[in-house]
Amino acid sequence: MQSLKEPTEARSPSPALLLPVSVVVAARNEERNLPRCLESLQGMGEVYVVDSQSSDATVEIARSYGATVVQFHYQGGWPKKRQWALDSLPLAHDWVFLVDADEALTPEVMEEIKAAIRDQRYDGYYVGLQMYFLGRRLRHGDAGFYKLSLFRRGKGHFECRLKNQDTSMCDMEVHEHVVVDGKVSKLRNPLLHHNVDSLSRYIRKHDEYSNWEARVWLSGEQSYAELPPSVAGSQAQRRRWLKRKLYFVPGSPLLFFIYKYLVRLGFLDGVAGLVYCTLQAVQMFHVKAKMFEARNRATTEGSASVETLVADSAARDVSRGPEWHA
């Protein structure tokens, strides 16, 4: 178990030195990642850790760093964790910064945020992620991406791609993106993103993601009304456009692997790059397989929509207990 440190004076900067930014950190069983994340957030105006009933030392670690811990109990549907936090928490500042527990700021990002929130031209900022996977920085394989993580309070919200969700699909937004009502820009410096330190946990988490994604793609165009797929749009829209094209092509998981590993030079990242690109392709295969399963059951049972059958199948798996996912 992660050892707990006592809060030090260095963790409590003078209020006059704090950035007027409210940080929301989404967490569940993050005792390994959370100290690095919270250490990097010292200097922010306030930090909320929104937890999902962690069974490890996540809560104790968060409190030791002076963060306010709030528990989120997901019962299905919408909103999920981060949108619920935006709707429910008494955020004190005009700027909100969304961070995952496996992410960390650098001093360069902190300085850039300090300047960005003073710029009256923009209401939101995309922040890049510098990916670390199995202890190695990934420089290729299309691993890096941008998230719209910093925005004025009240100006940003998560798109809702699927209202009829359940607890088999992760209690946090998966590939829903923040939409900002106003002009946006990009920060130059990236966050550090330590994507995985346990492949078993990575695989379990992405099983939930594939339940959600299969349901989304079977829902059709209504699932991306706010951010439609577009080759000329944002990075999120371009990736969505590519996936929409690939999902309905025979052998697309193999094509996706070739794209990431060869075309996008993932092989230059060594074994970590090979594992990452392979798991990304396997994830696509899982989504397609679950879509096929739902359509097949819809044909044979005839009484429910394919979207409902994806949810029913996932819910039955969850009801079998943790060993079903082991």
Protein backbone atom coordinates (compact mmCIF):
# COMPACT_ATOMS: atom_id res chain seq x y z
CA MET A 1 0.00 0.00 0.00
CA GLN A 2 1.17 3.51 -0.80
CA SER A 3 2.72 5.11 2.29
CA LEU A 4 1.05 8.33 3.39
CA LYS A 5 3.01 11.51 3.86
CA GLU A 6 2.01 14.20 6.29
CA PRO A 7 1.04 17.47 4.61
CA THR A 8 3.95 19.87 4.63
CA GLU A 9 4.12 23.64 4.53
CA ALA A 10 5.22 23.36 0.89
CA ARG A 11 1.83 21.82 0.10
CA SER A 12 -0.03 24.84 1.48
CA PRO A 13 1.12 27.91 -0.47
CA SER A 14 -0.04 31.31 0.63
CA PRO A 15 -3.58 32.02 -0.66
CA ALA A 16 -2.18 35.05 -2.48
CA LEU A 17 0.05 32.74 -4.53
CA LEU A 18 -2.64 30.25 -5.50
CA LEU A 19 -3.95 30.17 -9.06
CA PRO A 20 -7.71 30.94 -9.17
CA VAL A 21 -8.51 27.55 -10.72
CA SER A 22 -10.80 24.79 -9.42
CA VAL A 23 -9.34 21.36 -10.18
CA VAL A 24 -11.48 18.23 -10.40
CA VAL A 25 -9.56 14.92 -10.21
CA ALA A 26 -11.51 11.78 -11.09
CA ALA A 27 -10.29 8.72 -9.16
CA ARG A 28 -10.98 5.12 -8.24
CA ASN A 29 -8.32 2.95 -6.57
CA GLU A 30 -5.53 5.30 -7.62
CA GLU A 31 -3.14 5.04 -4.67
CA ARG A 32 -0.18 4.49 -7.01
CA ASN A 33 -0.84 7.46 -9.28
CA LEU A 34 -2.53 9.99 -7.03
CA PRO A 35 0.52 11.27 -5.07
CA ARG A 36 2.29 12.26 -8.30
CA CYS A 37 -0.87 13.94 -9.58
CA LEU A 38 -1.67 15.89 -6.40
CA GLU A 39 1.94 16.91 -5.84
CA SER A 40 1.88 18.56 -9.26
CA LEU A 41 -1.32 20.45 -8.41
CA GLN A 42 0.12 22.33 -5.46
CA GLY A 43 -0.49 25.98 -6.19
CA MET A 44 -4.01 25.54 -7.57
CA GLY A 45 -6.82 27.40 -5.82
CA GLU A 46 -8.74 24.27 -4.82
CA VAL A 47 -8.62 20.57 -5.62
CA TYR A 48 -11.54 18.15 -5.48
CA VAL A 49 -10.92 14.42 -5.73
CA VAL A 50 -14.13 12.78 -6.94
CA ASP A 51 -13.84 9.17 -5.82
CA SER A 52 -15.89 6.06 -6.60
CA GLN A 53 -15.72 4.18 -3.30
CA SER A 54 -12.08 3.21 -3.60
CA SER A 55 -10.98 0.16 -1.62
CA ASP A 56 -7.33 1.25 -1.39
CA ALA A 57 -5.70 4.32 0.18
CA THR A 58 -6.97 6.81 -2.41
CA VAL A 59 -9.08 8.80 0.06
CA GLU A 60 -6.37 9.00 2.73
CA ILE A 61 -3.78 10.10 0.18
CA ALA A 62 -6.09 12.77 -1.24
CA ARG A 63 -6.75 14.23 2.20
CA SER A 64 -3.06 14.15 3.10
CA TYR A 65 -2.46 16.51 0.19
CA GLY A 66 -5.23 18.87 1.30
CA ALA A 67 -7.73 17.88 -1.40
CA THR A 68 -11.47 17.79 -0.72
CA VAL A 69 -12.81 14.27 -1.26
CA VAL A 70 -16.31 13.76 -2.64
CA GLN A 71 -17.87 10.35 -3.27
CA PHE A 72 -19.75 9.70 -6.51
CA HIS A 73 -22.29 6.85 -6.51
CA TYR A 74 -23.17 5.95 -10.08
CA GLN A 75 -26.61 4.44 -10.63
CA GLY A 76 -26.57 4.45 -14.41
CA GLY A 77 -27.81 7.01 -16.91
CA TRP A 78 -26.51 10.53 -17.32
CA PRO A 79 -24.62 12.49 -16.03
CA LYS A 80 -21.51 10.49 -15.30
CA LYS A 81 -18.74 11.41 -12.85
CA ARG A 82 -17.11 14.52 -14.25
CA GLN A 83 -20.29 16.14 -15.56
CA TRP A 84 -21.91 15.39 -12.20
CA ALA A 85 -18.98 17.16 -10.51
CA LEU A 86 -19.40 20.21 -12.76
CA ASP A 87 -23.12 20.29 -11.97
CA SER A 88 -22.89 19.59 -8.24
CA LEU A 89 -19.68 20.85 -6.63
CA PRO A 90 -19.52 24.37 -5.13
CA LEU A 91 -16.58 25.39 -7.30
CA ALA A 92 -15.03 28.59 -6.01
CA HIS A 93 -13.20 29.87 -9.08
CA ASP A 94 -14.06 31.03 -12.58
CA TRP A 95 -11.77 28.50 -14.27
CA VAL A 96 -12.10 24.71 -14.06
CA PHE A 97 -9.36 22.21 -14.81
CA LEU A 98 -10.25 18.51 -15.28
CA VAL A 99 -7.45 16.08 -14.48
CA ASP A 100 -7.30 12.29 -14.25
CA ALA A 101 -5.43 10.67 -11.39
CA ASP A 102 -2.84 9.21 -13.79
CA GLU A 103 -1.96 12.65 -15.13
CA ALA A 104 0.44 15.23 -13.72
CA LEU A 105 1.32 18.84 -14.47
CA THR A 106 4.80 20.09 -15.20
CA PRO A 107 6.03 23.52 -14.04
CA GLU A 108 5.81 24.63 -17.67
CA VAL A 109 2.10 23.74 -17.83
CA MET A 110 1.47 25.55 -14.55
CA GLU A 111 3.11 28.72 -15.85
CA GLU A 112 1.20 28.49 -19.11
CA ILE A 113 -2.12 28.10 -17.28
CA LYS A 114 -1.28 31.16 -15.21
CA ALA A 115 -1.01 33.23 -18.40
CA ALA A 116 -3.92 31.51 -20.21
CA ILE A 117 -6.58 32.30 -17.63
CA ARG A 118 -5.75 36.01 -17.89
CA ASP A 119 -6.42 36.04 -21.64
CA GLN A 120 -9.93 37.39 -22.16
CA ARG A 121 -10.10 36.13 -25.75
CA TYR A 122 -10.59 32.47 -24.86
CA ASP A 123 -13.09 30.46 -22.83
CA GLY A 124 -11.30 27.13 -23.03
CA TYR A 125 -8.01 25.41 -23.80
CA TYR A 126 -7.00 22.06 -25.20
CA VAL A 127 -4.20 20.42 -23.24
CA GLY A 128 -1.98 17.76 -24.78
CA LEU A 129 -1.01 14.49 -23.11
CA GLN A 130 2.53 13.11 -23.16
CA MET A 131 1.90 9.36 -22.97
CA TYR A 132 3.85 6.95 -20.78
CA PHE A 133 2.98 3.27 -21.19
CA LEU A 134 4.60 0.40 -19.28
CA GLY A 135 7.20 2.82 -17.99
CA ARG A 136 8.22 4.18 -21.40
CA ARG A 137 7.31 7.42 -23.12
CA LEU A 138 5.44 6.76 -26.36
CA ARG A 139 6.52 9.16 -29.07
CA HIS A 140 4.81 7.45 -32.00
CA GLY A 141 1.82 5.27 -32.83
CA ASP A 142 -0.61 8.19 -32.70
CA ALA A 143 -0.50 7.86 -28.90
CA GLY A 144 -0.60 11.55 -28.04
CA PHE A 145 -3.83 13.51 -28.09
CA TYR A 146 -5.47 16.69 -26.83
CA LYS A 147 -8.30 17.11 -24.32
CA LEU A 148 -10.35 20.24 -23.72
CA SER A 149 -9.57 20.21 -20.00
CA LEU A 150 -9.33 23.89 -19.01
CA PHE A 151 -12.35 26.17 -19.39
CA ARG A 152 -14.36 28.92 -17.75
CA ARG A 153 -16.91 27.67 -15.24
CA GLY A 154 -20.35 27.54 -16.84
CA LYS A 155 -18.93 27.64 -20.36
CA GLY A 156 -18.04 23.96 -20.77
CA HIS A 157 -19.99 20.71 -20.55
CA PHE A 158 -19.54 17.10 -21.64
CA GLU A 159 -21.43 15.97 -24.70
CA CYS A 160 -23.90 13.22 -23.87
CA ARG A 161 -23.43 10.49 -26.45
CA LEU A 162 -25.64 7.94 -24.71
CA LYS A 163 -28.30 8.60 -22.07
CA ASN A 164 -29.34 5.00 -21.48
CA GLN A 165 -26.15 3.78 -19.80
CA ASP A 166 -25.58 1.37 -16.93
CA THR A 167 -22.92 0.44 -14.41
CA SER A 168 -21.26 -2.04 -16.81
CA MET A 169 -20.04 0.88 -18.91
CA CYS A 170 -17.72 2.70 -16.46
CA ASP A 171 -18.97 5.45 -14.15
CA MET A 172 -16.85 8.09 -15.86
CA GLU A 173 -17.05 9.64 -19.32
CA VAL A 174 -15.21 7.39 -21.78
CA HIS A 175 -14.90 9.17 -25.12
CA GLU A 176 -17.35 11.96 -24.43
CA HIS A 177 -15.61 15.30 -24.94
CA VAL A 178 -16.01 18.72 -23.41
CA VAL A 179 -17.83 21.26 -25.57
CA VAL A 180 -17.14 24.93 -24.81
CA ASP A 181 -19.48 27.79 -25.61
CA GLY A 182 -16.87 30.26 -26.80
CA LYS A 183 -13.49 30.55 -28.45
CA VAL A 184 -10.83 27.96 -27.60
CA SER A 185 -7.09 27.66 -28.01
CA LYS A 186 -4.30 25.17 -27.17
CA LEU A 187 -1.63 25.10 -24.51
CA ARG A 188 1.84 24.41 -25.89
CA ASN A 189 3.06 22.19 -23.05
CA PRO A 190 1.55 18.75 -22.35
CA LEU A 191 0.48 16.98 -19.20
CA LEU A 192 2.32 13.79 -18.27
CA HIS A 193 -0.02 10.83 -18.72
CA HIS A 194 1.06 7.54 -17.12
CA ASN A 195 -1.46 5.43 -18.99
CA VAL A 196 -0.91 2.03 -17.39
CA ASP A 197 1.14 0.39 -14.68
CA SER A 198 -0.86 -2.86 -14.68
CA LEU A 199 -1.98 -4.60 -17.85
CA SER A 200 -4.62 -6.57 -15.95
CA ARG A 201 -6.23 -3.36 -14.73
CA TYR A 202 -5.93 -1.82 -18.19
CA ILE A 203 -7.73 -4.78 -19.77
CA ARG A 204 -10.52 -4.80 -17.15
CA LYS A 205 -11.09 -1.08 -17.59
CA HIS A 206 -11.22 -1.33 -21.37
CA ASP A 207 -13.76 -4.12 -21.17
CA GLU A 208 -16.11 -1.52 -19.65
CA TYR A 209 -15.11 0.94 -22.36
CA SER A 210 -15.94 -1.53 -25.13
CA ASN A 211 -19.41 -2.15 -23.64
CA TRP A 212 -20.03 1.59 -23.89
CA GLU A 213 -18.50 2.05 -27.32
CA ALA A 214 -20.42 -0.83 -28.91
CA ARG A 215 -23.63 0.69 -27.61
CA VAL A 216 -22.66 4.13 -28.92
CA TRP A 217 -21.92 2.97 -32.45
CA LEU A 218 -25.14 0.99 -32.61
CA SER A 219 -27.03 4.13 -31.59
CA GLY A 220 -26.13 5.85 -34.86
CA GLU A 221 -25.87 9.55 -35.56
CA GLN A 222 -27.69 10.64 -32.41
CA SER A 223 -24.59 9.61 -30.42
CA TYR A 224 -22.44 12.39 -31.84
CA ALA A 225 -24.86 15.26 -32.36
CA GLU A 226 -22.66 17.91 -30.70
CA LEU A 227 -19.33 16.77 -32.17
CA PRO A 228 -20.03 15.06 -35.51
CA PRO A 229 -17.26 13.07 -37.21
CA SER A 230 -15.32 15.37 -39.53
CA VAL A 231 -11.98 15.05 -41.25
CA ALA A 232 -11.70 18.87 -41.07
CA GLY A 233 -12.77 19.22 -37.43
CA SER A 234 -10.96 18.95 -34.10
CA GLN A 235 -8.67 16.04 -33.29
CA ALA A 236 -11.57 14.31 -31.51
CA GLN A 237 -13.78 14.75 -34.58
CA ARG A 238 -11.07 13.46 -36.92
CA ARG A 239 -10.53 10.36 -34.78
CA ARG A 240 -14.29 9.83 -34.67
CA TRP A 241 -14.47 10.13 -38.45
CA LEU A 242 -11.69 7.55 -38.88
CA LYS A 243 -13.32 5.11 -36.46
CA ARG A 244 -16.71 5.45 -38.14
CA LYS A 245 -15.11 4.52 -41.44
CA LEU A 246 -13.08 1.64 -39.99
CA TYR A 247 -15.68 -0.03 -37.79
CA PHE A 248 -17.72 -1.18 -40.76
CA VAL A 249 -14.78 -2.43 -42.84
CA PRO A 250 -13.95 -6.18 -42.69
CA GLY A 251 -10.66 -6.76 -40.91
CA SER A 252 -10.58 -3.22 -39.51
CA PRO A 253 -8.79 -4.17 -36.24
CA LEU A 254 -5.87 -5.44 -38.32
CA LEU A 255 -5.95 -2.31 -40.47
CA PHE A 256 -6.04 -0.18 -37.31
CA PHE A 257 -2.96 -1.99 -35.98
CA ILE A 258 -1.10 -1.48 -39.28
CA TYR A 259 -2.02 2.20 -39.23
CA LYS A 260 -0.77 2.75 -35.69
CA TYR A 261 2.23 0.41 -35.69
CA LEU A 262 3.57 0.95 -39.21
CA VAL A 263 2.07 4.10 -40.73
CA ARG A 264 2.29 6.06 -37.46
CA LEU A 265 5.66 4.48 -36.60
CA GLY A 266 4.60 2.78 -33.37
CA PHE A 267 7.36 0.20 -33.90
CA LEU A 268 9.90 2.89 -32.99
CA ASP A 269 8.65 2.74 -29.39
CA GLY A 270 9.95 -0.80 -28.95
CA VAL A 271 8.08 -3.48 -27.02
CA ALA A 272 5.90 -0.91 -25.22
CA GLY A 273 4.83 0.45 -28.61
CA LEU A 274 4.01 -3.04 -29.87
CA VAL A 275 1.89 -3.82 -26.78
CA TYR A 276 0.11 -0.47 -26.96
CA CYS A 277 -0.77 -0.73 -30.67
CA THR A 278 -1.86 -4.34 -30.27
CA LEU A 279 -4.16 -3.56 -27.34
CA GLN A 280 -5.67 -0.66 -29.25
CA ALA A 281 -6.48 -2.99 -32.14
CA VAL A 282 -7.83 -5.64 -29.76
CA GLN A 283 -10.08 -2.98 -28.22
CA MET A 284 -11.55 -2.30 -31.65
CA PHE A 285 -12.05 -6.04 -32.16
CA HIS A 286 -13.90 -6.30 -28.82
CA VAL A 287 -16.22 -3.44 -29.79
CA LYS A 288 -17.01 -5.03 -33.15
CA ALA A 289 -17.55 -8.44 -31.55
CA LYS A 290 -20.00 -6.98 -29.03
CA MET A 291 -21.82 -5.18 -31.82
CA PHE A 292 -22.09 -8.48 -33.71
CA GLU A 293 -23.32 -10.25 -30.57
CA ALA A 294 -26.04 -7.64 -30.05
CA ARG A 295 -27.22 -7.78 -33.66
CA ASN A 296 -27.25 -11.58 -33.60
CA ARG A 297 -29.32 -11.66 -30.43
CA ALA A 298 -31.66 -9.01 -31.83
CA THR A 299 -32.25 -11.24 -34.87
CA THR A 300 -32.88 -14.39 -32.85
CA GLU A 301 -34.89 -12.82 -30.01
CA GLY A 302 -36.58 -10.13 -32.05
CA SER A 303 -38.09 -8.33 -29.06
CA ALA A 304 -35.46 -5.73 -28.23
CA SER A 305 -33.28 -3.20 -29.97
CA VAL A 306 -29.64 -4.02 -30.51
CA GLU A 307 -28.67 -1.16 -28.19
CA THR A 308 -30.70 -2.69 -25.37
CA LEU A 309 -29.21 -6.11 -25.95
CA VAL A 310 -25.65 -4.75 -25.61
CA ALA A 311 -26.62 -3.33 -22.24
CA ASP A 312 -28.39 -6.52 -21.15
CA SER A 313 -25.41 -8.70 -22.07
CA ALA A 314 -22.96 -6.46 -20.21
CA ALA A 315 -25.23 -6.27 -17.17
CA ARG A 316 -25.44 -10.07 -16.98
CA ASP A 317 -21.66 -10.30 -17.04
CA VAL A 318 -21.36 -7.81 -14.17
CA SER A 319 -23.98 -9.69 -12.14
CA ARG A 320 -21.82 -12.82 -12.21
CA GLY A 321 -19.36 -11.12 -9.92
CA PRO A 322 -15.74 -9.96 -10.04
CA GLU A 323 -14.42 -13.36 -11.01
CA TRP A 324 -16.14 -13.07 -14.38
CA HIS A 325 -13.75 -10.24 -15.28
CA ALA A 326 -10.63 -11.82 -13.72
